[in-house]
Amino acid sequence: MGGGAGGDRIVLQYQVFTSGKVSIKVYALSGELVKEFDEGYKERGVYERVWDGLHSELSSGVYVVHYVVGETKKIVKFIYVK
């Protein structure tokens, strides 16, 4: 699971090892929930969620992405610079 930033968009990638419900939540370091993606039920495989329009939604700073894939949880940080 990870993310790749570029310009006004970010690609959030995740892998599902055991089929299940997937959610992605992005938080500011202050703990404020910035964005939530409900990916629904996914089968095994690798997936991407493209988040466009970051300039209008985020300020420059460090953000934390919480991935929940079935029973698996993962946290990834990224830096966004306008």
N, C-alpha and C. Protein backbone atom coordinates (compact mmCIF):
# COMPACT_ATOMS: atom_id res chain seq x y z
N MET A 1 0.85 -1.17 0.00
CA MET A 1 0.00 0.00 0.00
C MET A 1 0.89 1.22 0.00
N GLY A 2 0.52 2.20 -0.75
CA GLY A 2 1.31 3.41 -0.80
C GLY A 2 0.61 4.47 -1.60
N GLY A 3 1.29 5.60 -1.75
CA GLY A 3 0.72 6.70 -2.50
C GLY A 3 1.78 7.35 -3.35
N GLY A 4 1.38 7.97 -4.42
CA GLY A 4 2.31 8.70 -5.27
C GLY A 4 1.70 10.04 -5.61
N ALA A 5 2.41 11.12 -5.30
CA ALA A 5 1.88 12.46 -5.54
C ALA A 5 2.48 13.04 -6.81
N GLY A 6 1.70 13.85 -7.48
CA GLY A 6 2.21 14.52 -8.67
C GLY A 6 1.24 15.61 -9.10
N GLY A 7 1.64 16.87 -8.91
CA GLY A 7 0.81 17.98 -9.34
C GLY A 7 -0.46 18.10 -8.55
N ASP A 8 -1.60 18.10 -9.25
CA ASP A 8 -2.90 18.31 -8.64
C ASP A 8 -3.63 16.99 -8.37
N ARG A 9 -2.89 15.90 -8.30
CA ARG A 9 -3.52 14.60 -8.07
C ARG A 9 -2.57 13.70 -7.29
N ILE A 10 -3.15 12.70 -6.68
CA ILE A 10 -2.37 11.67 -5.99
C ILE A 10 -2.99 10.33 -6.34
N VAL A 11 -2.15 9.33 -6.49
CA VAL A 11 -2.62 7.97 -6.76
C VAL A 11 -2.37 7.15 -5.50
N LEU A 12 -3.45 6.67 -4.91
CA LEU A 12 -3.36 5.84 -3.71
C LEU A 12 -3.50 4.40 -4.15
N GLN A 13 -2.43 3.62 -3.94
CA GLN A 13 -2.43 2.22 -4.35
C GLN A 13 -2.56 1.33 -3.12
N TYR A 14 -3.27 0.22 -3.30
CA TYR A 14 -3.38 -0.74 -2.22
C TYR A 14 -3.55 -2.14 -2.79
N GLN A 15 -3.16 -3.10 -1.98
CA GLN A 15 -3.27 -4.50 -2.41
C GLN A 15 -4.19 -5.23 -1.45
N VAL A 16 -5.07 -6.03 -2.01
CA VAL A 16 -6.00 -6.84 -1.23
C VAL A 16 -5.51 -8.28 -1.28
N PHE A 17 -5.15 -8.82 -0.11
CA PHE A 17 -4.67 -10.20 -0.04
C PHE A 17 -5.82 -11.17 0.23
N THR A 18 -6.79 -10.72 1.02
CA THR A 18 -7.98 -11.50 1.32
C THR A 18 -9.18 -10.62 1.00
N SER A 19 -10.07 -11.09 0.19
CA SER A 19 -11.23 -10.29 -0.23
C SER A 19 -11.94 -9.69 0.97
N GLY A 20 -12.39 -8.45 0.81
CA GLY A 20 -13.10 -7.79 1.91
C GLY A 20 -13.40 -6.34 1.59
N LYS A 21 -13.99 -5.67 2.56
CA LYS A 21 -14.35 -4.27 2.43
C LYS A 21 -13.11 -3.40 2.54
N VAL A 22 -13.03 -2.36 1.72
CA VAL A 22 -11.87 -1.47 1.70
C VAL A 22 -12.32 -0.04 1.96
N SER A 23 -11.62 0.64 2.86
CA SER A 23 -11.83 2.08 3.04
C SER A 23 -10.48 2.76 3.15
N ILE A 24 -10.46 4.00 2.67
CA ILE A 24 -9.24 4.81 2.71
C ILE A 24 -9.64 6.15 3.33
N LYS A 25 -8.93 6.55 4.38
CA LYS A 25 -9.19 7.83 5.03
C LYS A 25 -7.90 8.63 5.07
N VAL A 26 -7.99 9.91 4.71
CA VAL A 26 -6.83 10.80 4.71
C VAL A 26 -7.03 11.83 5.82
N TYR A 27 -6.01 11.95 6.68
CA TYR A 27 -6.07 12.86 7.81
C TYR A 27 -4.94 13.88 7.74
N ALA A 28 -5.20 15.10 8.20
CA ALA A 28 -4.14 16.07 8.45
C ALA A 28 -3.44 15.63 9.74
N LEU A 29 -2.24 16.12 9.97
CA LEU A 29 -1.53 15.74 11.19
C LEU A 29 -2.26 16.18 12.44
N SER A 30 -3.14 17.16 12.32
CA SER A 30 -3.94 17.64 13.45
C SER A 30 -5.00 16.61 13.85
N GLY A 31 -5.23 15.59 13.00
CA GLY A 31 -6.24 14.58 13.26
C GLY A 31 -7.53 14.82 12.51
N GLU A 32 -7.62 15.95 11.81
CA GLU A 32 -8.82 16.27 11.03
C GLU A 32 -8.95 15.34 9.83
N LEU A 33 -10.13 14.75 9.67
CA LEU A 33 -10.40 13.92 8.50
C LEU A 33 -10.56 14.83 7.30
N VAL A 34 -9.73 14.63 6.27
CA VAL A 34 -9.71 15.48 5.08
C VAL A 34 -10.52 14.87 3.94
N LYS A 35 -10.40 13.55 3.78
CA LYS A 35 -11.06 12.86 2.66
C LYS A 35 -11.29 11.41 3.05
N GLU A 36 -12.41 10.87 2.57
CA GLU A 36 -12.70 9.46 2.82
C GLU A 36 -13.17 8.82 1.52
N PHE A 37 -12.63 7.65 1.23
CA PHE A 37 -13.02 6.87 0.07
C PHE A 37 -13.55 5.53 0.55
N ASP A 38 -14.79 5.21 0.20
CA ASP A 38 -15.35 3.90 0.49
C ASP A 38 -15.24 3.09 -0.79
N GLU A 39 -14.31 2.17 -0.83
CA GLU A 39 -14.03 1.40 -2.03
C GLU A 39 -14.95 0.19 -2.19
N GLY A 40 -15.75 -0.08 -1.17
CA GLY A 40 -16.65 -1.22 -1.24
C GLY A 40 -15.92 -2.54 -1.07
N TYR A 41 -16.53 -3.60 -1.51
CA TYR A 41 -15.97 -4.95 -1.40
C TYR A 41 -15.04 -5.21 -2.58
N LYS A 42 -13.82 -5.65 -2.31
CA LYS A 42 -12.84 -5.93 -3.36
C LYS A 42 -12.34 -7.37 -3.25
N GLU A 43 -12.15 -7.98 -4.40
CA GLU A 43 -11.51 -9.29 -4.48
C GLU A 43 -10.00 -9.12 -4.38
N ARG A 44 -9.27 -10.21 -4.25
CA ARG A 44 -7.80 -10.15 -4.22
C ARG A 44 -7.29 -9.41 -5.44
N GLY A 45 -6.23 -8.62 -5.26
CA GLY A 45 -5.64 -7.90 -6.38
C GLY A 45 -5.05 -6.58 -5.95
N VAL A 46 -4.55 -5.84 -6.92
CA VAL A 46 -3.95 -4.52 -6.69
C VAL A 46 -4.88 -3.48 -7.29
N TYR A 47 -5.14 -2.42 -6.54
CA TYR A 47 -6.08 -1.39 -6.95
C TYR A 47 -5.47 -0.01 -6.78
N GLU A 48 -6.04 0.96 -7.47
CA GLU A 48 -5.63 2.36 -7.35
C GLU A 48 -6.86 3.24 -7.18
N ARG A 49 -6.72 4.26 -6.38
CA ARG A 49 -7.74 5.31 -6.26
C ARG A 49 -7.03 6.62 -6.64
N VAL A 50 -7.50 7.28 -7.68
CA VAL A 50 -6.93 8.55 -8.10
C VAL A 50 -7.73 9.67 -7.45
N TRP A 51 -7.03 10.57 -6.78
CA TRP A 51 -7.66 11.71 -6.11
C TRP A 51 -7.22 12.96 -6.86
N ASP A 52 -8.14 13.53 -7.63
CA ASP A 52 -7.87 14.75 -8.41
C ASP A 52 -8.32 15.97 -7.64
N GLY A 53 -7.80 17.14 -8.04
CA GLY A 53 -8.25 18.41 -7.46
C GLY A 53 -7.67 18.72 -6.10
N LEU A 54 -6.46 18.28 -5.86
CA LEU A 54 -5.86 18.49 -4.54
C LEU A 54 -5.67 19.97 -4.20
N HIS A 55 -5.38 20.81 -5.20
CA HIS A 55 -5.14 22.23 -4.92
C HIS A 55 -6.32 22.87 -4.20
N SER A 56 -7.53 22.45 -4.54
CA SER A 56 -8.71 23.03 -3.92
C SER A 56 -9.05 22.40 -2.57
N GLU A 57 -8.50 21.22 -2.28
CA GLU A 57 -8.86 20.51 -1.07
C GLU A 57 -7.78 20.51 0.02
N LEU A 58 -6.52 20.64 -0.36
CA LEU A 58 -5.43 20.52 0.62
C LEU A 58 -4.56 21.75 0.67
N SER A 59 -4.03 22.02 1.85
CA SER A 59 -2.96 22.99 2.02
C SER A 59 -1.65 22.22 2.02
N SER A 60 -0.55 22.91 1.80
CA SER A 60 0.75 22.24 1.89
C SER A 60 0.91 21.67 3.29
N GLY A 61 1.45 20.47 3.38
CA GLY A 61 1.66 19.87 4.69
C GLY A 61 1.84 18.37 4.60
N VAL A 62 1.89 17.75 5.78
CA VAL A 62 2.04 16.30 5.90
C VAL A 62 0.67 15.71 6.19
N TYR A 63 0.35 14.63 5.50
CA TYR A 63 -0.94 13.96 5.66
C TYR A 63 -0.71 12.48 5.93
N VAL A 64 -1.69 11.86 6.57
CA VAL A 64 -1.62 10.46 6.94
C VAL A 64 -2.78 9.73 6.26
N VAL A 65 -2.45 8.64 5.57
CA VAL A 65 -3.47 7.84 4.90
C VAL A 65 -3.67 6.55 5.69
N HIS A 66 -4.91 6.30 6.10
CA HIS A 66 -5.27 5.06 6.81
C HIS A 66 -5.98 4.15 5.81
N TYR A 67 -5.37 3.02 5.53
CA TYR A 67 -5.97 2.01 4.67
C TYR A 67 -6.55 0.91 5.56
N VAL A 68 -7.78 0.54 5.32
CA VAL A 68 -8.36 -0.63 5.99
C VAL A 68 -8.86 -1.55 4.90
N VAL A 69 -8.23 -2.71 4.81
CA VAL A 69 -8.56 -3.71 3.79
C VAL A 69 -8.92 -4.98 4.54
N GLY A 70 -10.21 -5.26 4.66
CA GLY A 70 -10.64 -6.41 5.45
C GLY A 70 -10.17 -6.25 6.88
N GLU A 71 -9.36 -7.18 7.35
CA GLU A 71 -8.82 -7.13 8.71
C GLU A 71 -7.46 -6.44 8.79
N THR A 72 -6.90 -6.06 7.64
CA THR A 72 -5.57 -5.47 7.58
C THR A 72 -5.66 -3.95 7.62
N LYS A 73 -4.80 -3.34 8.45
CA LYS A 73 -4.74 -1.88 8.54
C LYS A 73 -3.31 -1.42 8.25
N LYS A 74 -3.20 -0.32 7.55
CA LYS A 74 -1.88 0.21 7.18
C LYS A 74 -1.96 1.73 7.21
N ILE A 75 -0.88 2.37 7.68
CA ILE A 75 -0.80 3.83 7.72
C ILE A 75 0.40 4.27 6.91
N VAL A 76 0.18 5.26 6.02
CA VAL A 76 1.23 5.81 5.17
C VAL A 76 1.17 7.32 5.26
N LYS A 77 2.32 7.97 5.34
CA LYS A 77 2.37 9.43 5.35
C LYS A 77 2.80 9.94 3.98
N PHE A 78 2.31 11.14 3.63
CA PHE A 78 2.81 11.80 2.44
C PHE A 78 2.87 13.30 2.66
N ILE A 79 3.75 13.94 1.93
CA ILE A 79 3.92 15.39 1.99
C ILE A 79 3.31 15.99 0.73
N TYR A 80 2.46 16.99 0.92
CA TYR A 80 1.86 17.69 -0.21
C TYR A 80 2.36 19.13 -0.23
N VAL A 81 2.90 19.56 -1.37
CA VAL A 81 3.41 20.92 -1.54
C VAL A 81 2.69 21.53 -2.73
N LYS A 82 2.05 22.67 -2.50
CA LYS A 82 1.34 23.36 -3.59
C LYS A 82 2.33 24.01 -4.53
